[in-house]
Amino acid sequence: TASYDKLPAEILRIIFGFLGPTVLRSLLLVSKSWKAVAEEPVLWTGFDFPEKSRKSSLELTKFMRTSLSSKIQHLTLANNGCGSDDSFRFDLTDEHFRQFLTLNLTSISIWEIELTEVSGELLGKLVAGCKECTIIEVYKSHCLDADRNLGTEKLSAIFDEMQNQTKLRSFELIAGLNERHIGDPRKKIDLSSISPTFLAKAFSKIEELFLENLDLNSFQLDAIFESGFVNLSSLGFRGIKLNATQTRKLLESLDKSSRLKSLNLSQVDTREIPSWFLTRFFNKITSINIEDTKIKSHQFEDIFLAILRGESVTKHFRMFEVTNLSKVSPDVLSKAVNKLESVSFDRRKHVDKHTLTEIQIKEIFRVMSLETNLKSLGMATDQTPVDAYDHIEEVDPEHLAMGLNNLESVRLDFGNEDGRYSFLTTVQLYAFFKQLNMKSKLKTIVREDHPDFHM
């Protein structure tokens, strides 16, 4: 140990970064120099309550008396009936939350839990004292298993605290599925009874905001948009249906923010927004994700032409279930998307009205085979299988091979079990692997296994 004790702190920090909390706890006892490094907060990022402390109120109290409790940075509150390791096996009370408030928490996740024995005030203070918060409410489509969610009263208390003093920089509120993929995606969190002022002030302080499947009334939407998003660097606004006027107000409010780098929208209507405004707005954003969106073909073309003129900072563009994309000029579309770093389109045959045409697909890969800025098809964490695109089997094998080998990462799934996705032809596969063996920029080939396919 004596020789290791002389290692520079920078080296120890790198080594300790690969270790979990249990091992780090032991390292605190080795020497003063190791203890000084092992205590650094960055090494304990995301450290949550150990499983044993979640078994009973007594075990939690015991753990809170240990020095290790001061290292807790993340708290997960999950339904104790779901069997998750992250859930407390007993009902939490105000006393437990007073203990939580003594910690230096940086993030909190709340999953499908009622917290009936906890006051809204303490819950609000705990959330507002963190930098990051994710709340997921799950609504069942049947009555066999009752919903276990915070509810409007608790959420209102959180927003009340957020509008006053808050450390929150990132906030997510979602109605979705739980860890067992159970839930009714059609149901929404009803916030319509909460004060528009509460919501507007609370959201105006956030830097990264993600809202999905919420019921908001027109007064709330107006207040939120009028208050503005001047601090926002990232916005997700999904499953909150907006008409043309509300969409315009949202984009006008966002346009005032020079910090916005990422935008994720669904169920919006941009058709009445002037094309010049939409073009200027979209091309100021680095990462764009639009889904189930009504947009005119000439609006799309103007956005893509700005990319071709070098007037855009956009690097990532995801377009799912958007109208009129198939009507965009293949020449403009193909050249514009190859100026991006990643792009996603619909690929499902059961939504033909949204998929690209055969000519568009062919032209995209022809341009890609010559030169491209694209690093992947699909986003880095959710790549699109190239063999899933409609008309992919019609693409010239040489264009496909050269294009894919000009990327840094490609995903090949070889179809899926229900036969919905198309397959690459043998000639295309041969051309791809031949080019891969000769000259390629590819660093990664991703493949998802299916039960009916064996390599």
Protein backbone atom coordinates (compact mmCIF):
# COMPACT_ATOMS: atom_id res chain seq x y z
CA THR A 1 0.00 0.00 0.00
CA ALA A 2 2.91 2.35 0.71
CA SER A 3 3.97 2.50 -2.94
CA TYR A 4 0.39 2.95 -4.17
CA ASP A 5 -0.05 5.69 -1.60
CA LYS A 6 2.39 7.81 -3.58
CA LEU A 7 0.29 7.78 -6.74
CA PRO A 8 -0.80 11.27 -7.85
CA ALA A 9 -4.37 12.26 -6.96
CA GLU A 10 -5.25 12.54 -10.67
CA ILE A 11 -4.35 8.87 -11.22
CA LEU A 12 -6.23 7.73 -8.10
CA ARG A 13 -9.26 9.73 -9.24
CA ILE A 14 -9.32 7.90 -12.58
CA ILE A 15 -8.96 4.49 -10.92
CA PHE A 16 -11.55 5.20 -8.23
CA GLY A 17 -13.96 6.37 -10.94
CA PHE A 18 -14.41 2.73 -12.00
CA LEU A 19 -15.43 1.62 -8.50
CA GLY A 20 -18.81 1.42 -6.82
CA PRO A 21 -19.89 2.92 -3.48
CA THR A 22 -19.21 -0.28 -1.48
CA VAL A 23 -15.57 -0.39 -2.56
CA LEU A 24 -15.14 3.37 -2.19
CA ARG A 25 -16.34 3.09 1.37
CA SER A 26 -13.48 0.66 2.11
CA LEU A 27 -10.95 2.92 0.41
CA LEU A 28 -11.79 5.69 2.86
CA LEU A 29 -10.01 3.60 5.52
CA VAL A 30 -6.78 2.89 3.60
CA SER A 31 -4.88 6.14 4.11
CA LYS A 32 -5.32 9.89 4.40
CA SER A 33 -4.36 10.51 0.77
CA TRP A 34 -6.76 7.83 -0.52
CA LYS A 35 -9.50 9.13 1.78
CA ALA A 36 -9.05 12.68 0.44
CA VAL A 37 -9.63 11.46 -3.14
CA ALA A 38 -12.32 8.87 -2.38
CA GLU A 39 -14.42 11.51 -0.60
CA GLU A 40 -14.67 13.74 -3.67
CA PRO A 41 -18.39 14.23 -4.58
CA VAL A 42 -17.82 13.54 -8.29
CA LEU A 43 -17.03 9.89 -7.47
CA TRP A 44 -20.37 9.49 -5.69
CA THR A 45 -22.52 10.92 -8.48
CA GLY A 46 -25.91 9.16 -8.56
CA PHE A 47 -25.25 7.31 -5.28
CA ASP A 48 -28.68 6.19 -4.00
CA PHE A 49 -29.82 4.52 -0.79
CA PRO A 50 -28.49 0.95 -0.40
CA GLU A 51 -31.05 -1.86 -0.67
CA LYS A 52 -30.78 -2.79 3.01
CA SER A 53 -31.79 0.72 4.12
CA ARG A 54 -34.99 0.41 2.06
CA LYS A 55 -36.25 -2.70 3.86
CA SER A 56 -37.60 -1.06 7.01
CA SER A 57 -37.92 2.27 8.77
CA LEU A 58 -35.44 1.07 11.39
CA GLU A 59 -32.80 0.17 8.79
CA LEU A 60 -33.25 3.56 7.12
CA THR A 61 -32.75 5.35 10.45
CA LYS A 62 -29.62 3.28 11.16
CA PHE A 63 -28.18 4.13 7.75
CA MET A 64 -28.90 7.83 8.17
CA ARG A 65 -26.69 7.79 11.29
CA THR A 66 -23.69 6.49 9.34
CA SER A 67 -21.10 8.70 7.66
CA LEU A 68 -21.91 7.03 4.34
CA SER A 69 -25.32 8.71 4.30
CA SER A 70 -23.59 12.05 3.69
CA LYS A 71 -22.49 10.67 0.28
CA ILE A 72 -26.07 10.14 -0.95
CA GLN A 73 -26.67 12.27 -4.04
CA HIS A 74 -29.71 10.63 -5.62
CA LEU A 75 -33.04 9.53 -4.17
CA THR A 76 -35.45 7.18 -5.93
CA LEU A 77 -39.01 7.01 -4.62
CA ALA A 78 -40.87 4.11 -6.24
CA ASN A 79 -44.06 2.18 -5.57
CA ASN A 80 -43.26 -0.39 -2.88
CA GLY A 81 -45.53 -2.90 -4.57
CA CYS A 82 -43.60 -3.06 -7.82
CA GLY A 83 -40.80 -5.27 -6.51
CA SER A 84 -38.08 -2.92 -7.69
CA ASP A 85 -34.77 -2.68 -5.80
CA ASP A 86 -35.29 1.11 -5.85
CA SER A 87 -38.51 0.96 -3.82
CA PHE A 88 -38.85 1.39 -0.07
CA ARG A 89 -40.62 -1.62 1.47
CA PHE A 90 -42.53 0.53 3.96
CA ASP A 91 -44.67 3.66 3.90
CA LEU A 92 -42.63 6.84 4.02
CA THR A 93 -43.71 9.59 6.44
CA ASP A 94 -42.94 13.23 7.19
CA GLU A 95 -40.22 12.10 9.61
CA HIS A 96 -38.40 10.24 6.86
CA PHE A 97 -38.62 13.29 4.61
CA ARG A 98 -37.17 15.49 7.35
CA GLN A 99 -34.21 13.11 7.35
CA PHE A 100 -33.96 13.31 3.54
CA LEU A 101 -33.88 17.11 3.78
CA THR A 102 -30.63 16.93 5.78
CA LEU A 103 -28.87 15.35 2.78
CA ASN A 104 -27.12 17.14 -0.06
CA LEU A 105 -29.23 15.55 -2.79
CA THR A 106 -28.58 16.58 -6.39
CA SER A 107 -31.33 14.53 -8.07
CA ILE A 108 -34.60 12.78 -7.29
CA SER A 109 -36.78 10.32 -9.25
CA ILE A 110 -40.40 9.70 -8.29
CA TRP A 111 -42.08 6.67 -9.90
CA GLU A 112 -45.71 5.67 -9.48
CA ILE A 113 -45.98 6.38 -5.75
CA GLU A 114 -48.68 8.05 -3.62
CA LEU A 115 -46.79 9.28 -0.52
CA THR A 116 -50.08 9.61 1.36
CA GLU A 117 -48.30 10.01 4.74
CA VAL A 118 -46.05 12.82 3.47
CA SER A 119 -47.05 16.48 3.45
CA GLY A 120 -46.97 18.36 0.16
CA GLU A 121 -44.82 21.06 1.73
CA LEU A 122 -41.99 18.68 2.68
CA LEU A 123 -42.17 16.93 -0.69
CA GLY A 124 -42.01 20.32 -2.45
CA LYS A 125 -39.00 21.42 -0.40
CA LEU A 126 -37.17 18.16 -1.13
CA VAL A 127 -37.75 18.44 -4.88
CA ALA A 128 -36.90 22.15 -5.02
CA GLY A 129 -33.65 21.48 -3.16
CA CYS A 130 -32.37 19.18 -5.92
CA LYS A 131 -30.86 20.13 -9.27
CA GLU A 132 -32.70 17.42 -11.21
CA CYS A 133 -36.14 15.88 -10.82
CA THR A 134 -38.03 13.23 -12.80
CA ILE A 135 -41.65 12.41 -11.95
CA ILE A 136 -43.44 9.57 -13.77
CA GLU A 137 -47.13 8.97 -13.13
CA VAL A 138 -48.62 5.70 -14.36
CA TYR A 139 -52.33 5.27 -15.11
CA LYS A 140 -53.71 1.76 -15.53
CA SER A 141 -56.30 0.91 -18.17
CA HIS A 142 -58.06 -1.49 -15.77
CA CYS A 143 -59.19 -1.43 -12.14
CA LEU A 144 -57.47 -4.60 -10.88
CA ASP A 145 -54.43 -2.62 -9.76
CA ALA A 146 -55.18 0.85 -8.42
CA ASP A 147 -53.20 3.86 -9.64
CA ARG A 148 -50.51 4.95 -7.21
CA ASN A 149 -49.50 8.46 -8.13
CA LEU A 150 -48.72 11.74 -6.40
CA GLY A 151 -51.92 13.36 -7.62
CA THR A 152 -52.80 17.00 -8.25
CA GLU A 153 -52.46 18.19 -4.64
CA LYS A 154 -48.87 16.95 -4.27
CA LEU A 155 -47.88 18.20 -7.72
CA SER A 156 -49.36 21.61 -6.92
CA ALA A 157 -47.26 21.77 -3.74
CA ILE A 158 -44.14 20.98 -5.79
CA PHE A 159 -44.92 23.76 -8.29
CA ASP A 160 -45.63 26.16 -5.42
CA GLU A 161 -42.16 25.54 -4.00
CA MET A 162 -40.54 25.66 -7.45
CA GLN A 163 -41.89 29.14 -8.16
CA ASN A 164 -40.21 30.50 -5.04
CA GLN A 165 -36.77 29.26 -4.02
CA THR A 166 -35.45 26.39 -6.09
CA LYS A 167 -32.16 24.82 -7.13
CA LEU A 168 -33.86 22.86 -9.90
CA ARG A 169 -32.22 23.08 -13.30
CA SER A 170 -33.80 20.00 -14.90
CA PHE A 171 -37.44 18.92 -14.48
CA GLU A 172 -39.34 16.06 -16.14
CA LEU A 173 -43.04 15.31 -15.65
CA ILE A 174 -44.38 12.34 -17.61
CA ALA A 175 -47.48 10.18 -17.76
CA GLY A 176 -46.17 6.93 -19.16
CA LEU A 177 -45.25 3.32 -18.49
CA ASN A 178 -43.62 1.93 -15.36
CA GLU A 179 -40.54 -0.30 -15.26
CA ARG A 180 -42.71 -3.32 -16.14
CA HIS A 181 -44.06 -1.44 -19.20
CA ILE A 182 -47.51 -1.28 -17.64
CA GLY A 183 -49.70 1.78 -18.11
CA ASP A 184 -52.21 3.40 -20.44
CA PRO A 185 -50.37 5.82 -22.76
CA ARG A 186 -53.69 7.48 -23.69
CA LYS A 187 -54.22 8.84 -20.19
CA LYS A 188 -52.75 12.19 -19.19
CA ILE A 189 -51.81 13.97 -15.97
CA ASP A 190 -54.60 16.48 -15.31
CA LEU A 191 -53.02 19.76 -14.20
CA SER A 192 -55.95 21.92 -15.33
CA SER A 193 -56.90 22.86 -11.74
CA ILE A 194 -53.42 24.21 -10.86
CA SER A 195 -52.88 27.96 -10.92
CA PRO A 196 -51.53 29.16 -14.31
CA THR A 197 -49.26 31.56 -12.41
CA PHE A 198 -47.77 28.72 -10.35
CA LEU A 199 -46.93 26.74 -13.47
CA ALA A 200 -45.60 29.71 -15.44
CA LYS A 201 -43.27 30.88 -12.66
CA ALA A 202 -42.11 27.33 -11.88
CA PHE A 203 -41.25 26.47 -15.48
CA SER A 204 -39.60 29.84 -16.21
CA LYS A 205 -36.76 29.00 -13.81
CA ILE A 206 -35.87 25.66 -15.43
CA GLU A 207 -33.00 25.09 -17.89
CA GLU A 208 -34.00 21.60 -19.08
CA LEU A 209 -37.76 20.95 -19.16
CA PHE A 210 -39.52 17.80 -20.40
CA LEU A 211 -43.32 17.54 -20.22
CA GLU A 212 -45.22 14.60 -21.70
CA ASN A 213 -48.90 13.63 -21.73
CA LEU A 214 -50.30 16.48 -19.64
CA ASP A 215 -53.74 18.10 -19.68
CA LEU A 216 -53.21 21.88 -19.66
CA ASN A 217 -55.98 24.39 -20.32
CA SER A 218 -55.66 27.40 -22.61
CA PHE A 219 -55.15 29.83 -19.69
CA GLN A 220 -52.25 27.77 -18.37
CA LEU A 221 -50.66 27.52 -21.81
CA ASP A 222 -51.01 31.27 -22.37
CA ALA A 223 -49.43 32.01 -18.97
CA ILE A 224 -46.54 29.61 -19.59
CA PHE A 225 -45.82 31.01 -23.06
CA GLU A 226 -46.14 34.65 -21.91
CA SER A 227 -43.81 34.06 -18.96
CA GLY A 228 -41.25 32.81 -21.43
CA PHE A 229 -38.49 30.23 -21.54
CA VAL A 230 -35.51 32.58 -21.33
CA ASN A 231 -33.46 30.10 -19.27
CA LEU A 232 -34.20 27.01 -21.35
CA SER A 233 -31.45 25.08 -23.09
CA SER A 234 -33.63 21.99 -23.70
CA LEU A 235 -37.40 21.56 -24.07
CA GLY A 236 -39.54 18.47 -24.49
CA PHE A 237 -43.23 19.25 -25.09
CA ARG A 238 -44.92 15.98 -26.04
CA GLY A 239 -48.46 14.67 -25.93
CA ILE A 240 -49.78 18.16 -25.14
CA LYS A 241 -51.95 18.87 -28.13
CA LEU A 242 -51.62 22.42 -29.45
CA ASN A 243 -53.69 24.10 -32.14
CA ALA A 244 -52.10 26.39 -34.74
CA THR A 245 -52.40 29.54 -32.58
CA GLN A 246 -50.94 27.85 -29.50
CA THR A 247 -48.10 26.38 -31.55
CA ARG A 248 -47.26 29.85 -32.87
CA LYS A 249 -47.25 31.29 -29.32
CA LEU A 250 -44.99 28.48 -28.12
CA LEU A 251 -42.45 29.00 -30.90
CA GLU A 252 -42.53 32.80 -30.52
CA SER A 253 -41.82 32.40 -26.81
CA LEU A 254 -38.98 29.96 -27.47
CA ASP A 255 -37.56 32.22 -30.17
CA LYS A 256 -36.71 34.78 -27.47
CA SER A 257 -34.28 32.34 -25.86
CA SER A 258 -30.75 32.35 -27.20
CA ARG A 259 -29.86 29.34 -25.04
CA LEU A 260 -32.17 26.73 -26.59
CA LYS A 261 -30.09 23.88 -28.03
CA SER A 262 -32.52 20.94 -28.01
CA LEU A 263 -36.21 20.77 -28.94
CA ASN A 264 -38.56 17.76 -28.74
CA LEU A 265 -42.13 18.41 -29.95
CA SER A 266 -45.17 16.28 -30.78
CA GLN A 267 -48.79 16.95 -31.70
CA VAL A 268 -48.22 20.49 -32.97
CA ASP A 269 -49.49 22.31 -36.05
CA THR A 270 -47.03 24.66 -37.77
CA ARG A 271 -48.94 25.12 -41.05
CA GLU A 272 -50.07 28.68 -40.28
CA ILE A 273 -46.64 29.85 -39.13
CA PRO A 274 -44.78 31.95 -41.72
CA SER A 275 -42.15 29.82 -43.41
CA TRP A 276 -39.40 32.42 -42.89
CA PHE A 277 -40.03 32.41 -39.12
CA LEU A 278 -40.14 28.62 -38.86
CA THR A 279 -36.92 28.35 -40.89
CA ARG A 280 -35.09 30.90 -38.76
CA PHE A 281 -36.34 29.32 -35.53
CA PHE A 282 -35.50 25.69 -36.35
CA ASN A 283 -32.08 26.49 -37.75
CA LYS A 284 -30.99 28.09 -34.46
CA ILE A 285 -31.39 24.74 -32.66
CA THR A 286 -28.72 22.03 -32.56
CA SER A 287 -30.99 19.02 -31.98
CA ILE A 288 -34.60 18.82 -33.25
CA ASN A 289 -37.11 16.04 -32.68
CA ILE A 290 -40.59 16.51 -34.16
CA GLU A 291 -43.28 13.85 -34.13
CA ASP A 292 -46.95 13.72 -35.15
CA THR A 293 -46.53 17.23 -36.53
CA LYS A 294 -48.45 19.05 -39.25
CA ILE A 295 -46.05 20.94 -41.51
CA LYS A 296 -46.22 21.99 -45.16
CA SER A 297 -43.79 20.72 -47.78
CA HIS A 298 -42.57 24.23 -48.69
CA GLN A 299 -41.86 24.91 -45.00
CA PHE A 300 -39.71 21.76 -44.93
CA GLU A 301 -37.92 22.80 -48.11
CA ASP A 302 -37.13 26.26 -46.74
CA ILE A 303 -35.67 24.69 -43.59
CA PHE A 304 -33.53 22.31 -45.65
CA LEU A 305 -32.40 25.06 -48.06
CA ALA A 306 -31.14 27.11 -45.10
CA ILE A 307 -29.08 24.08 -44.05
CA LEU A 308 -27.61 23.89 -47.56
CA ARG A 309 -26.74 27.61 -47.50
CA GLY A 310 -24.82 27.12 -44.26
CA GLU A 311 -27.28 29.24 -42.27
CA SER A 312 -28.06 26.51 -39.74
CA VAL A 313 -26.49 25.16 -36.55
CA THR A 314 -28.70 22.05 -36.65
CA LYS A 315 -26.75 18.79 -36.36
CA HIS A 316 -29.44 16.28 -35.37
CA PHE A 317 -32.92 16.07 -36.92
CA ARG A 318 -35.53 13.43 -36.04
CA MET A 319 -38.80 13.47 -38.03
CA PHE A 320 -41.46 10.87 -37.18
CA GLU A 321 -45.07 10.88 -38.41
CA VAL A 322 -44.75 14.33 -39.94
CA THR A 323 -46.91 15.35 -42.87
CA ASN A 324 -45.68 16.22 -46.37
CA LEU A 325 -42.05 15.14 -45.97
CA SER A 326 -42.55 12.78 -48.92
CA LYS A 327 -43.40 15.82 -51.08
CA VAL A 328 -40.06 17.53 -50.51
CA SER A 329 -37.68 17.65 -53.48
CA PRO A 330 -35.42 14.55 -53.37
CA ASP A 331 -32.46 16.72 -54.42
CA VAL A 332 -32.96 19.26 -51.60
CA LEU A 333 -33.79 16.60 -48.97
CA SER A 334 -30.84 14.34 -49.79
CA LYS A 335 -28.24 17.11 -49.81
CA ALA A 336 -29.57 18.72 -46.62
CA VAL A 337 -29.71 15.57 -44.49
CA ASN A 338 -26.15 14.71 -45.52
CA LYS A 339 -25.06 18.02 -44.01
CA LEU A 340 -26.31 16.83 -40.61
CA GLU A 341 -24.56 14.52 -38.14
CA SER A 342 -27.60 12.30 -37.51
CA VAL A 343 -31.07 12.01 -39.03
CA SER A 344 -34.17 9.87 -38.37
CA PHE A 345 -37.21 9.20 -40.56
CA ASP A 346 -40.26 6.97 -40.37
CA ARG A 347 -39.56 3.49 -41.63
CA ARG A 348 -42.80 1.62 -40.91
CA LYS A 349 -44.86 0.34 -43.82
CA HIS A 350 -48.16 0.75 -41.98
CA VAL A 351 -47.76 4.55 -42.06
CA ASP A 352 -47.10 4.96 -45.78
CA LYS A 353 -48.33 8.54 -45.80
CA HIS A 354 -45.32 9.49 -43.66
CA THR A 355 -42.53 7.38 -45.15
CA LEU A 356 -40.05 8.64 -47.71
CA THR A 357 -40.53 7.84 -51.38
CA GLU A 358 -38.33 5.42 -53.28
CA ILE A 359 -36.69 8.29 -55.17
CA GLN A 360 -35.92 10.15 -51.92
CA ILE A 361 -34.33 7.08 -50.32
CA LYS A 362 -32.23 6.35 -53.41
CA GLU A 363 -31.02 9.94 -53.65
CA ILE A 364 -30.10 10.13 -49.94
CA PHE A 365 -27.80 7.11 -50.28
CA ARG A 366 -26.38 8.31 -53.60
CA VAL A 367 -25.31 11.61 -52.02
CA MET A 368 -24.14 9.77 -48.91
CA SER A 369 -21.89 7.56 -51.06
CA LEU A 370 -20.08 10.63 -52.42
CA GLU A 371 -19.63 12.67 -49.25
CA THR A 372 -21.52 13.10 -45.99
CA ASN A 373 -21.32 14.68 -42.55
CA LEU A 374 -23.64 12.00 -41.16
CA LYS A 375 -22.19 9.85 -38.41
CA SER A 376 -25.24 7.61 -38.00
CA LEU A 377 -28.81 7.03 -39.15
CA GLY A 378 -30.96 7.74 -36.13
CA MET A 379 -29.79 9.29 -32.89
CA ALA A 380 -26.66 8.07 -31.13
CA THR A 381 -28.66 6.28 -28.42
CA ASP A 382 -31.42 5.08 -30.76
CA GLN A 383 -30.02 4.21 -34.16
CA THR A 384 -32.36 3.25 -36.99
CA PRO A 385 -31.77 -0.19 -38.54
CA VAL A 386 -30.87 0.58 -42.13
CA ASP A 387 -32.75 -2.48 -43.38
CA ALA A 388 -35.96 -1.14 -41.82
CA TYR A 389 -36.48 1.68 -44.31
CA ASP A 390 -39.12 1.23 -46.97
CA HIS A 391 -37.63 0.88 -50.47
CA ILE A 392 -34.15 0.15 -49.06
CA GLU A 393 -33.91 -2.97 -51.24
CA GLU A 394 -34.23 -0.73 -54.32
CA VAL A 395 -31.12 1.32 -53.49
CA ASP A 396 -28.12 0.74 -55.75
CA PRO A 397 -25.83 -1.75 -53.91
CA GLU A 398 -22.71 0.35 -54.57
CA HIS A 399 -24.36 3.56 -53.37
CA LEU A 400 -25.60 1.76 -50.25
CA ALA A 401 -22.22 0.16 -49.54
CA MET A 402 -20.23 3.38 -50.00
CA GLY A 403 -22.81 5.44 -48.08
CA LEU A 404 -22.93 3.18 -45.04
CA ASN A 405 -19.15 2.91 -44.94
CA ASN A 406 -18.94 6.71 -44.87
CA LEU A 407 -20.74 6.68 -41.51
CA GLU A 408 -19.14 6.09 -38.11
CA SER A 409 -21.85 3.74 -36.85
CA VAL A 410 -24.53 1.65 -38.56
CA ARG A 411 -27.25 -0.63 -37.25
CA LEU A 412 -28.24 -3.77 -39.18
CA ASP A 413 -31.11 -5.86 -37.77
CA PHE A 414 -31.77 -8.14 -40.76
CA GLY A 415 -35.51 -7.67 -40.40
CA ASN A 416 -37.70 -8.48 -37.41
CA GLU A 417 -39.92 -11.28 -36.22
CA ASP A 418 -43.23 -10.00 -37.57
CA GLY A 419 -41.86 -9.46 -41.08
CA ARG A 420 -42.89 -5.80 -41.13
CA TYR A 421 -39.44 -4.45 -41.90
CA SER A 422 -37.81 -4.99 -45.25
CA PHE A 423 -34.53 -6.82 -45.74
CA LEU A 424 -31.37 -5.85 -47.54
CA THR A 425 -30.72 -7.99 -50.60
CA THR A 426 -27.84 -10.45 -50.80
CA VAL A 427 -26.15 -8.25 -53.42
CA GLN A 428 -26.41 -5.21 -51.14
CA LEU A 429 -24.98 -7.12 -48.17
CA TYR A 430 -22.11 -8.45 -50.27
CA ALA A 431 -21.30 -4.94 -51.53
CA PHE A 432 -21.43 -3.54 -47.98
CA PHE A 433 -19.05 -6.11 -46.46
CA LYS A 434 -16.74 -5.94 -49.47
CA GLN A 435 -16.42 -2.16 -49.02
CA LEU A 436 -16.02 -2.63 -45.27
CA ASN A 437 -13.03 -4.86 -45.97
CA MET A 438 -11.47 -2.32 -48.36
CA LYS A 439 -12.04 1.20 -47.05
CA SER A 440 -14.43 2.33 -44.34
CA LYS A 441 -14.96 5.04 -41.72
CA LEU A 442 -17.17 2.72 -39.67
CA LYS A 443 -16.21 2.30 -36.03
CA THR A 444 -19.28 0.40 -34.85
CA ILE A 445 -21.83 -2.02 -36.32
CA VAL A 446 -24.89 -2.45 -34.08
CA ARG A 447 -27.22 -5.40 -34.42
CA GLU A 448 -30.35 -6.34 -32.49
CA ASP A 449 -31.07 -10.06 -32.33
CA HIS A 450 -34.43 -11.45 -33.33
CA PRO A 451 -35.74 -14.94 -32.53
CA ASP A 452 -36.11 -15.91 -36.19
CA PHE A 453 -32.63 -14.95 -37.32
CA HIS A 454 -29.28 -16.58 -36.63
CA MET A 455 -26.03 -15.13 -37.96
